[in-house]
Amino acid sequence: MMKTSITTLSHSALTLILFLSIICVANAQEVEWLSWDEATELATTEENPKKIFVDVYTDWCGWCKKMDKDTFQNSEVAAYMTDNFYMVKLDGEGKEPIEFKGKTYKFVPSGRKGYHELAAALLQGRLSYPTTIFLDEQMNMLSPVPGYQKPKPFLNIARYFGDNIYKDKDWEAYSGKGK
């Protein structure tokens, strides 16, 4: 009798865990990461292109991994970013050449590792990871944002660019950091 109760309880618990897991997966929103080429192709061919968001990272960067897990997997962040941006991951030490605005950017061996010229150009020579980059619909730089960002502050920054607030208000006025 006792064995049957434990088996039934285990089966019920397993069913509940499985059910809750399915609900969590169904509610989770995934960011669709595109390659640089895919994003620039969409930006130049779609009738109403989105802005481009670039996450510049490296494989060894712990804060990059934390931002992936905490910020980009946040359902509110993922939904907003997917709706408003073409999302690109750019390895700051990537080896593949990338074409952008008529120029080919390549990997440059330097020190123990090296860097990608496009990452250096987008980061304005400050190779700091993670750094996120916002480009407008014509692929012009809006702003690099260096460092790890938690979901809520990141969403505030993303909305500043994604909702075109930057066209009417400077960052200090928008963020309440002005005098």
N, C-alpha and C. Protein backbone atom coordinates (compact mmCIF):
# COMPACT_ATOMS: atom_id res chain seq x y z
N MET A 1 0.83 -1.21 0.00
CA MET A 1 0.00 0.00 0.00
C MET A 1 0.86 1.26 0.00
N MET A 2 1.86 1.29 0.85
CA MET A 2 2.74 2.45 0.94
C MET A 2 3.48 2.67 -0.37
N LYS A 3 3.91 1.60 -1.02
CA LYS A 3 4.66 1.71 -2.27
C LYS A 3 3.79 2.33 -3.36
N THR A 4 2.53 1.95 -3.44
CA THR A 4 1.62 2.49 -4.44
C THR A 4 1.41 3.99 -4.23
N SER A 5 1.26 4.44 -2.99
CA SER A 5 1.05 5.86 -2.69
C SER A 5 2.25 6.69 -3.12
N ILE A 6 3.46 6.17 -2.85
CA ILE A 6 4.67 6.90 -3.24
C ILE A 6 4.77 6.98 -4.75
N THR A 7 4.46 5.89 -5.45
CA THR A 7 4.50 5.88 -6.90
C THR A 7 3.49 6.87 -7.47
N THR A 8 2.28 6.88 -6.92
CA THR A 8 1.24 7.80 -7.38
C THR A 8 1.67 9.24 -7.12
N LEU A 9 2.22 9.49 -5.92
CA LEU A 9 2.68 10.82 -5.58
C LEU A 9 3.80 11.25 -6.53
N SER A 10 4.75 10.36 -6.79
CA SER A 10 5.85 10.68 -7.70
C SER A 10 5.33 10.96 -9.10
N HIS A 11 4.37 10.18 -9.55
CA HIS A 11 3.79 10.38 -10.88
C HIS A 11 3.07 11.73 -10.94
N SER A 12 2.33 12.07 -9.89
CA SER A 12 1.62 13.34 -9.85
C SER A 12 2.59 14.52 -9.82
N ALA A 13 3.65 14.38 -9.03
CA ALA A 13 4.64 15.45 -8.95
C ALA A 13 5.34 15.63 -10.29
N LEU A 14 5.67 14.52 -10.93
CA LEU A 14 6.32 14.58 -12.23
C LEU A 14 5.42 15.24 -13.27
N THR A 15 4.15 14.90 -13.25
CA THR A 15 3.18 15.50 -14.17
C THR A 15 3.09 17.01 -13.94
N LEU A 16 3.04 17.42 -12.67
CA LEU A 16 2.97 18.83 -12.34
C LEU A 16 4.23 19.58 -12.81
N ILE A 17 5.39 18.99 -12.57
CA ILE A 17 6.65 19.61 -12.99
C ILE A 17 6.69 19.75 -14.51
N LEU A 18 6.27 18.72 -15.21
CA LEU A 18 6.25 18.75 -16.66
C LEU A 18 5.29 19.84 -17.16
N PHE A 19 4.11 19.92 -16.56
CA PHE A 19 3.12 20.92 -16.93
C PHE A 19 3.66 22.34 -16.72
N LEU A 20 4.27 22.59 -15.56
CA LEU A 20 4.82 23.91 -15.26
C LEU A 20 5.97 24.26 -16.21
N SER A 21 6.78 23.28 -16.57
CA SER A 21 7.87 23.51 -17.50
C SER A 21 7.35 23.94 -18.87
N ILE A 22 6.28 23.29 -19.31
CA ILE A 22 5.68 23.63 -20.61
C ILE A 22 5.14 25.05 -20.58
N ILE A 23 4.50 25.44 -19.49
CA ILE A 23 3.97 26.80 -19.36
C ILE A 23 5.11 27.82 -19.40
N CYS A 24 6.19 27.54 -18.68
CA CYS A 24 7.33 28.47 -18.67
C CYS A 24 7.93 28.62 -20.05
N VAL A 25 8.08 27.53 -20.77
CA VAL A 25 8.65 27.58 -22.11
C VAL A 25 7.70 28.34 -23.05
N ALA A 26 6.41 28.12 -22.90
CA ALA A 26 5.44 28.80 -23.76
C ALA A 26 5.45 30.30 -23.53
N ASN A 27 5.66 30.73 -22.27
CA ASN A 27 5.67 32.15 -21.95
C ASN A 27 7.00 32.83 -22.26
N ALA A 28 8.04 32.07 -22.39
CA ALA A 28 9.37 32.65 -22.65
C ALA A 28 9.42 33.17 -24.08
N GLN A 29 9.99 34.34 -24.22
CA GLN A 29 10.17 34.92 -25.55
C GLN A 29 11.65 34.85 -25.86
N GLU A 30 11.96 34.33 -26.99
CA GLU A 30 13.36 34.22 -27.40
C GLU A 30 13.70 35.35 -28.35
N VAL A 31 14.88 35.91 -28.15
CA VAL A 31 15.39 36.90 -29.10
C VAL A 31 15.87 36.14 -30.33
N GLU A 32 15.53 36.63 -31.49
CA GLU A 32 16.01 36.00 -32.72
C GLU A 32 17.28 36.73 -33.14
N TRP A 33 18.42 36.10 -32.90
CA TRP A 33 19.70 36.70 -33.27
C TRP A 33 19.96 36.44 -34.75
N LEU A 34 20.37 37.48 -35.44
CA LEU A 34 20.68 37.38 -36.86
C LEU A 34 22.18 37.56 -37.06
N SER A 35 22.66 37.11 -38.19
CA SER A 35 24.05 37.40 -38.54
C SER A 35 24.10 38.86 -39.01
N TRP A 36 25.29 39.42 -39.06
CA TRP A 36 25.45 40.78 -39.56
C TRP A 36 24.87 40.91 -40.96
N ASP A 37 25.20 39.94 -41.83
CA ASP A 37 24.72 39.98 -43.21
C ASP A 37 23.20 39.91 -43.29
N GLU A 38 22.58 39.06 -42.47
CA GLU A 38 21.12 38.95 -42.48
C GLU A 38 20.47 40.28 -42.06
N ALA A 39 20.98 40.89 -41.00
CA ALA A 39 20.41 42.14 -40.49
C ALA A 39 20.57 43.28 -41.50
N THR A 40 21.77 43.40 -42.08
CA THR A 40 21.97 44.50 -43.04
C THR A 40 21.16 44.27 -44.31
N GLU A 41 20.98 43.02 -44.70
CA GLU A 41 20.14 42.70 -45.86
C GLU A 41 18.70 43.13 -45.59
N LEU A 42 18.16 42.79 -44.42
CA LEU A 42 16.80 43.19 -44.07
C LEU A 42 16.68 44.70 -43.99
N ALA A 43 17.67 45.35 -43.42
CA ALA A 43 17.64 46.82 -43.28
C ALA A 43 17.65 47.53 -44.62
N THR A 44 18.22 46.90 -45.63
CA THR A 44 18.29 47.55 -46.94
C THR A 44 17.19 47.10 -47.90
N THR A 45 16.48 46.02 -47.58
CA THR A 45 15.48 45.52 -48.52
C THR A 45 14.04 45.60 -48.02
N GLU A 46 13.81 45.64 -46.72
CA GLU A 46 12.44 45.69 -46.22
C GLU A 46 11.84 47.08 -46.45
N GLU A 47 10.54 47.11 -46.68
CA GLU A 47 9.87 48.38 -46.94
C GLU A 47 9.93 49.30 -45.71
N ASN A 48 9.71 48.74 -44.53
CA ASN A 48 9.79 49.50 -43.28
C ASN A 48 10.84 48.86 -42.37
N PRO A 49 12.10 49.15 -42.63
CA PRO A 49 13.15 48.47 -41.86
C PRO A 49 13.17 48.90 -40.39
N LYS A 50 13.68 48.00 -39.57
CA LYS A 50 13.86 48.28 -38.15
C LYS A 50 15.27 48.85 -37.96
N LYS A 51 15.51 49.34 -36.78
CA LYS A 51 16.87 49.72 -36.40
C LYS A 51 17.66 48.43 -36.15
N ILE A 52 18.97 48.56 -36.06
CA ILE A 52 19.82 47.39 -35.79
C ILE A 52 20.43 47.54 -34.40
N PHE A 53 20.36 46.46 -33.66
CA PHE A 53 20.99 46.38 -32.34
C PHE A 53 22.12 45.37 -32.44
N VAL A 54 23.31 45.75 -31.97
CA VAL A 54 24.47 44.86 -32.03
C VAL A 54 25.00 44.62 -30.63
N ASP A 55 25.07 43.37 -30.24
CA ASP A 55 25.66 42.97 -28.97
C ASP A 55 27.09 42.53 -29.27
N VAL A 56 28.07 43.36 -28.88
CA VAL A 56 29.48 43.03 -29.12
C VAL A 56 29.98 42.30 -27.87
N TYR A 57 30.44 41.08 -28.07
CA TYR A 57 30.82 40.19 -26.97
C TYR A 57 32.11 39.46 -27.32
N THR A 58 32.61 38.69 -26.37
CA THR A 58 33.68 37.72 -26.63
C THR A 58 33.32 36.43 -25.90
N ASP A 59 33.91 35.34 -26.33
CA ASP A 59 33.64 34.04 -25.71
C ASP A 59 34.07 33.98 -24.25
N TRP A 60 35.11 34.71 -23.88
CA TRP A 60 35.66 34.64 -22.54
C TRP A 60 35.03 35.64 -21.56
N CYS A 61 34.12 36.48 -22.02
CA CYS A 61 33.55 37.56 -21.22
C CYS A 61 32.41 37.07 -20.33
N GLY A 62 32.66 37.03 -19.03
CA GLY A 62 31.64 36.59 -18.07
C GLY A 62 30.44 37.52 -18.01
N TRP A 63 30.67 38.83 -18.07
CA TRP A 63 29.56 39.78 -18.04
C TRP A 63 28.70 39.67 -19.29
N CYS A 64 29.32 39.31 -20.42
CA CYS A 64 28.55 39.09 -21.66
C CYS A 64 27.58 37.93 -21.47
N LYS A 65 28.06 36.85 -20.87
CA LYS A 65 27.21 35.67 -20.63
C LYS A 65 26.11 36.00 -19.64
N LYS A 66 26.43 36.79 -18.62
CA LYS A 66 25.42 37.19 -17.63
C LYS A 66 24.34 38.06 -18.29
N MET A 67 24.76 38.96 -19.17
CA MET A 67 23.78 39.81 -19.86
C MET A 67 22.89 38.98 -20.78
N ASP A 68 23.48 37.98 -21.45
CA ASP A 68 22.67 37.06 -22.28
C ASP A 68 21.59 36.41 -21.43
N LYS A 69 22.00 35.89 -20.29
CA LYS A 69 21.10 35.12 -19.42
C LYS A 69 20.08 36.01 -18.72
N ASP A 70 20.54 37.10 -18.11
CA ASP A 70 19.65 37.93 -17.29
C ASP A 70 18.85 38.95 -18.10
N THR A 71 19.47 39.56 -19.08
CA THR A 71 18.83 40.68 -19.78
C THR A 71 18.15 40.24 -21.07
N PHE A 72 18.89 39.62 -21.97
CA PHE A 72 18.31 39.28 -23.26
C PHE A 72 17.28 38.15 -23.19
N GLN A 73 17.32 37.34 -22.14
CA GLN A 73 16.31 36.29 -21.97
C GLN A 73 15.13 36.75 -21.13
N ASN A 74 15.17 37.98 -20.65
CA ASN A 74 14.03 38.56 -19.94
C ASN A 74 12.89 38.71 -20.96
N SER A 75 11.70 38.23 -20.62
CA SER A 75 10.61 38.19 -21.61
C SER A 75 10.21 39.58 -22.10
N GLU A 76 10.20 40.59 -21.23
CA GLU A 76 9.83 41.94 -21.64
C GLU A 76 10.90 42.53 -22.58
N VAL A 77 12.16 42.32 -22.24
CA VAL A 77 13.26 42.80 -23.08
C VAL A 77 13.21 42.10 -24.44
N ALA A 78 13.08 40.78 -24.41
CA ALA A 78 13.08 40.00 -25.66
C ALA A 78 11.94 40.44 -26.58
N ALA A 79 10.75 40.63 -26.01
CA ALA A 79 9.60 41.04 -26.83
C ALA A 79 9.82 42.41 -27.44
N TYR A 80 10.28 43.37 -26.64
CA TYR A 80 10.50 44.72 -27.17
C TYR A 80 11.58 44.72 -28.25
N MET A 81 12.69 44.06 -27.96
CA MET A 81 13.80 44.06 -28.91
C MET A 81 13.42 43.38 -30.22
N THR A 82 12.72 42.28 -30.14
CA THR A 82 12.30 41.55 -31.34
C THR A 82 11.36 42.40 -32.19
N ASP A 83 10.49 43.17 -31.55
CA ASP A 83 9.54 44.01 -32.28
C ASP A 83 10.19 45.23 -32.93
N ASN A 84 11.28 45.72 -32.34
CA ASN A 84 11.82 47.02 -32.76
C ASN A 84 13.20 47.01 -33.40
N PHE A 85 13.91 45.89 -33.31
CA PHE A 85 15.29 45.85 -33.80
C PHE A 85 15.59 44.54 -34.52
N TYR A 86 16.51 44.62 -35.46
CA TYR A 86 17.17 43.41 -35.96
C TYR A 86 18.31 43.20 -34.97
N MET A 87 18.36 42.03 -34.37
CA MET A 87 19.31 41.74 -33.29
C MET A 87 20.51 40.97 -33.83
N VAL A 88 21.71 41.51 -33.59
CA VAL A 88 22.94 40.90 -34.09
C VAL A 88 23.91 40.68 -32.94
N LYS A 89 24.52 39.50 -32.92
CA LYS A 89 25.63 39.22 -32.01
C LYS A 89 26.91 39.34 -32.83
N LEU A 90 27.85 40.14 -32.34
CA LEU A 90 29.11 40.33 -33.05
C LEU A 90 30.26 39.96 -32.12
N ASP A 91 30.98 38.90 -32.46
CA ASP A 91 32.13 38.48 -31.67
C ASP A 91 33.25 39.49 -31.89
N GLY A 92 33.64 40.18 -30.83
CA GLY A 92 34.69 41.19 -30.92
C GLY A 92 36.04 40.63 -31.34
N GLU A 93 36.14 39.29 -31.30
CA GLU A 93 37.37 38.62 -31.74
C GLU A 93 37.10 37.64 -32.88
N GLY A 94 35.99 37.86 -33.58
CA GLY A 94 35.59 36.98 -34.67
C GLY A 94 36.59 36.99 -35.81
N LYS A 95 36.70 35.88 -36.49
CA LYS A 95 37.71 35.71 -37.54
C LYS A 95 37.19 35.97 -38.95
N GLU A 96 35.87 35.95 -39.14
CA GLU A 96 35.30 36.07 -40.49
C GLU A 96 35.23 37.53 -40.94
N PRO A 97 35.61 37.82 -42.19
CA PRO A 97 35.49 39.19 -42.72
C PRO A 97 34.02 39.60 -42.81
N ILE A 98 33.75 40.88 -42.60
CA ILE A 98 32.38 41.40 -42.65
C ILE A 98 32.38 42.65 -43.53
N GLU A 99 31.42 42.68 -44.47
CA GLU A 99 31.24 43.84 -45.35
C GLU A 99 30.27 44.81 -44.68
N PHE A 100 30.63 46.09 -44.68
CA PHE A 100 29.74 47.11 -44.14
C PHE A 100 30.04 48.44 -44.81
N LYS A 101 29.02 49.02 -45.43
CA LYS A 101 29.11 50.30 -46.11
C LYS A 101 30.30 50.38 -47.06
N GLY A 102 30.46 49.34 -47.87
CA GLY A 102 31.48 49.33 -48.91
C GLY A 102 32.89 49.00 -48.45
N LYS A 103 33.05 48.63 -47.19
CA LYS A 103 34.37 48.29 -46.68
C LYS A 103 34.35 46.88 -46.09
N THR A 104 35.47 46.18 -46.24
CA THR A 104 35.60 44.85 -45.64
C THR A 104 36.39 44.97 -44.35
N TYR A 105 35.77 44.54 -43.26
CA TYR A 105 36.41 44.55 -41.95
C TYR A 105 36.90 43.14 -41.64
N LYS A 106 38.11 43.06 -41.11
CA LYS A 106 38.73 41.75 -40.89
C LYS A 106 39.22 41.61 -39.46
N PHE A 107 39.63 40.39 -39.15
CA PHE A 107 40.27 40.10 -37.87
C PHE A 107 41.70 40.62 -37.90
N VAL A 108 42.12 41.23 -36.81
CA VAL A 108 43.49 41.73 -36.69
C VAL A 108 44.17 41.02 -35.53
N PRO A 109 45.17 40.17 -35.82
CA PRO A 109 45.89 39.53 -34.72
C PRO A 109 46.62 40.60 -33.90
N SER A 110 46.47 40.52 -32.59
CA SER A 110 47.10 41.51 -31.72
C SER A 110 47.19 40.92 -30.32
N GLY A 111 48.36 40.96 -29.73
CA GLY A 111 48.52 40.40 -28.40
C GLY A 111 48.25 38.90 -28.42
N ARG A 112 47.62 38.42 -27.35
CA ARG A 112 47.32 36.98 -27.27
C ARG A 112 46.16 36.56 -28.16
N LYS A 113 45.24 37.47 -28.45
CA LYS A 113 44.05 37.09 -29.20
C LYS A 113 43.90 37.90 -30.49
N GLY A 114 43.59 39.15 -30.36
CA GLY A 114 43.31 40.00 -31.50
C GLY A 114 41.91 40.58 -31.41
N TYR A 115 41.48 41.26 -32.48
CA TYR A 115 40.17 41.89 -32.47
C TYR A 115 39.65 41.98 -33.90
N HIS A 116 38.34 42.17 -34.00
CA HIS A 116 37.73 42.34 -35.30
C HIS A 116 37.64 43.84 -35.58
N GLU A 117 38.02 44.26 -36.79
CA GLU A 117 38.02 45.68 -37.15
C GLU A 117 36.63 46.32 -37.04
N LEU A 118 35.56 45.57 -37.37
CA LEU A 118 34.22 46.14 -37.27
C LEU A 118 33.87 46.41 -35.81
N ALA A 119 34.22 45.48 -34.93
CA ALA A 119 33.97 45.71 -33.50
C ALA A 119 34.72 46.96 -33.04
N ALA A 120 35.97 47.10 -33.44
CA ALA A 120 36.77 48.27 -33.04
C ALA A 120 36.14 49.55 -33.59
N ALA A 121 35.64 49.51 -34.83
CA ALA A 121 35.02 50.69 -35.43
C ALA A 121 33.72 51.05 -34.69
N LEU A 122 32.87 50.05 -34.43
CA LEU A 122 31.61 50.31 -33.73
C LEU A 122 31.84 50.76 -32.29
N LEU A 123 32.88 50.23 -31.66
CA LEU A 123 33.17 50.59 -30.27
C LEU A 123 34.05 51.84 -30.18
N GLN A 124 34.29 52.46 -31.33
CA GLN A 124 35.06 53.69 -31.41
C GLN A 124 36.44 53.52 -30.76
N GLY A 125 37.03 52.35 -31.01
CA GLY A 125 38.38 52.07 -30.53
C GLY A 125 38.47 51.62 -29.08
N ARG A 126 37.36 51.63 -28.35
CA ARG A 126 37.35 51.22 -26.94
C ARG A 126 36.86 49.79 -26.85
N LEU A 127 37.77 48.85 -26.90
CA LEU A 127 37.40 47.44 -26.90
C LEU A 127 37.04 47.00 -25.48
N SER A 128 35.78 47.17 -25.15
CA SER A 128 35.24 46.85 -23.83
C SER A 128 34.02 45.96 -24.03
N TYR A 129 33.97 44.87 -23.29
CA TYR A 129 32.88 43.89 -23.47
C TYR A 129 32.16 43.66 -22.16
N PRO A 130 30.83 43.52 -22.20
CA PRO A 130 29.98 43.72 -23.38
C PRO A 130 29.80 45.20 -23.67
N THR A 131 29.57 45.50 -24.92
CA THR A 131 29.11 46.82 -25.35
C THR A 131 27.99 46.57 -26.34
N THR A 132 26.91 47.30 -26.16
CA THR A 132 25.79 47.19 -27.09
C THR A 132 25.77 48.44 -27.96
N ILE A 133 25.40 48.25 -29.21
CA ILE A 133 25.41 49.32 -30.20
C ILE A 133 24.01 49.48 -30.78
N PHE A 134 23.56 50.70 -30.89
CA PHE A 134 22.28 50.99 -31.53
C PHE A 134 22.55 51.73 -32.83
N LEU A 135 22.02 51.19 -33.93
CA LEU A 135 22.13 51.83 -35.25
C LEU A 135 20.72 52.18 -35.72
N ASP A 136 20.59 53.29 -36.45
CA ASP A 136 19.27 53.64 -36.97
C ASP A 136 18.94 52.80 -38.21
N GLU A 137 17.81 53.11 -38.83
CA GLU A 137 17.35 52.32 -39.98
C GLU A 137 18.28 52.42 -41.18
N GLN A 138 19.08 53.46 -41.25
CA GLN A 138 20.05 53.61 -42.34
C GLN A 138 21.43 53.10 -41.93
N MET A 139 21.49 52.43 -40.79
CA MET A 139 22.72 51.82 -40.25
C MET A 139 23.74 52.86 -39.82
N ASN A 140 23.26 54.03 -39.39
CA ASN A 140 24.13 55.06 -38.82
C ASN A 140 24.17 54.86 -37.31
N MET A 141 25.33 55.12 -36.72
CA MET A 141 25.51 54.95 -35.29
C MET A 141 24.62 55.90 -34.50
N LEU A 142 23.86 55.34 -33.57
CA LEU A 142 23.13 56.16 -32.62
C LEU A 142 23.97 56.29 -31.34
N SER A 143 24.38 55.14 -30.80
CA SER A 143 25.22 55.19 -29.62
C SER A 143 25.74 53.81 -29.23
N PRO A 144 27.00 53.76 -28.77
CA PRO A 144 27.47 52.55 -28.10
C PRO A 144 27.10 52.68 -26.61
N VAL A 145 26.77 51.57 -25.99
CA VAL A 145 26.46 51.55 -24.56
C VAL A 145 27.34 50.49 -23.92
N PRO A 146 28.44 50.91 -23.28
CA PRO A 146 29.36 49.93 -22.71
C PRO A 146 28.86 49.35 -21.38
N GLY A 147 29.25 48.10 -21.13
CA GLY A 147 29.01 47.48 -19.83
C GLY A 147 27.75 46.65 -19.74
N TYR A 148 27.72 45.87 -18.68
CA TYR A 148 26.57 45.01 -18.36
C TYR A 148 25.39 45.90 -17.99
N GLN A 149 24.21 45.56 -18.50
CA GLN A 149 22.98 46.28 -18.18
C GLN A 149 21.94 45.29 -17.68
N LYS A 150 21.34 45.59 -16.54
CA LYS A 150 20.23 44.78 -16.03
C LYS A 150 19.01 45.02 -16.91
N PRO A 151 18.01 44.12 -16.87
CA PRO A 151 16.86 44.24 -17.77
C PRO A 151 16.15 45.60 -17.76
N LYS A 152 15.79 46.12 -16.60
CA LYS A 152 15.01 47.36 -16.55
C LYS A 152 15.79 48.56 -17.10
N PRO A 153 17.04 48.80 -16.64
CA PRO A 153 17.79 49.92 -17.25
C PRO A 153 18.06 49.71 -18.74
N PHE A 154 18.31 48.46 -19.14
CA PHE A 154 18.54 48.19 -20.56
C PHE A 154 17.30 48.54 -21.38
N LEU A 155 16.13 48.14 -20.90
CA LEU A 155 14.89 48.42 -21.61
C LEU A 155 14.65 49.92 -21.73
N ASN A 156 15.02 50.67 -20.71
CA ASN A 156 14.92 52.12 -20.73
C ASN A 156 15.79 52.70 -21.86
N ILE A 157 17.01 52.18 -21.98
CA ILE A 157 17.92 52.63 -23.04
C ILE A 157 17.38 52.22 -24.41
N ALA A 158 16.93 50.97 -24.53
CA ALA A 158 16.41 50.46 -25.80
C ALA A 158 15.20 51.28 -26.26
N ARG A 159 14.33 51.64 -25.35
CA ARG A 159 13.14 52.43 -25.71
C ARG A 159 13.54 53.85 -26.15
N TYR A 160 14.58 54.38 -25.55
CA TYR A 160 15.07 55.72 -25.92
C TYR A 160 15.39 55.75 -27.41
N PHE A 161 16.04 54.70 -27.90
CA PHE A 161 16.37 54.63 -29.32
C PHE A 161 15.24 54.02 -30.15
N GLY A 162 14.65 52.94 -29.68
CA GLY A 162 13.63 52.22 -30.43
C GLY A 162 12.37 53.03 -30.67
N ASP A 163 12.00 53.86 -29.70
CA ASP A 163 10.79 54.69 -29.84
C ASP A 163 11.10 56.10 -30.36
N ASN A 164 12.34 56.30 -30.83
CA ASN A 164 12.79 57.58 -31.41
C ASN A 164 12.74 58.77 -30.45
N ILE A 165 12.79 58.48 -29.16
CA ILE A 165 12.80 59.56 -28.16
C ILE A 165 14.06 60.40 -28.32
N TYR A 166 15.15 59.76 -28.74
CA TYR A 166 16.44 60.44 -28.91
C TYR A 166 16.35 61.62 -29.89
N LYS A 167 15.35 61.60 -30.76
CA LYS A 167 15.21 62.68 -31.75
C LYS A 167 14.70 63.97 -31.12
N ASP A 168 13.98 63.85 -30.00
CA ASP A 168 13.37 65.02 -29.37
C ASP A 168 13.95 65.39 -28.01
N LYS A 169 14.60 64.43 -27.32
CA LYS A 169 15.10 64.66 -25.97
C LYS A 169 16.50 64.13 -25.85
N ASP A 170 17.35 64.87 -25.13
CA ASP A 170 18.67 64.32 -24.87
C ASP A 170 18.54 63.28 -23.75
N TRP A 171 19.57 62.46 -23.62
CA TRP A 171 19.52 61.34 -22.67
C TRP A 171 19.30 61.82 -21.24
N GLU A 172 19.95 62.91 -20.84
CA GLU A 172 19.83 63.40 -19.47
C GLU A 172 18.38 63.77 -19.14
N ALA A 173 17.73 64.46 -20.06
CA ALA A 173 16.34 64.84 -19.83
C ALA A 173 15.43 63.61 -19.78
N TYR A 174 15.65 62.67 -20.68
CA TYR A 174 14.83 61.46 -20.74
C TYR A 174 15.02 60.59 -19.50
N SER A 175 16.25 60.42 -19.09
CA SER A 175 16.54 59.50 -17.99
C SER A 175 16.38 60.16 -16.61
N GLY A 176 16.12 61.47 -16.60
CA GLY A 176 15.97 62.16 -15.33
C GLY A 176 17.30 62.47 -14.65
N LYS A 177 18.40 62.35 -15.41
CA LYS A 177 19.72 62.61 -14.84
C LYS A 177 20.16 64.05 -15.04
N GLY A 178 19.35 64.84 -15.74
CA GLY A 178 19.70 66.24 -15.97
C GLY A 178 19.40 67.08 -14.75
N LYS A 179 19.76 68.34 -14.82
CA LYS A 179 19.55 69.24 -13.68
C LYS A 179 18.13 69.72 -13.61
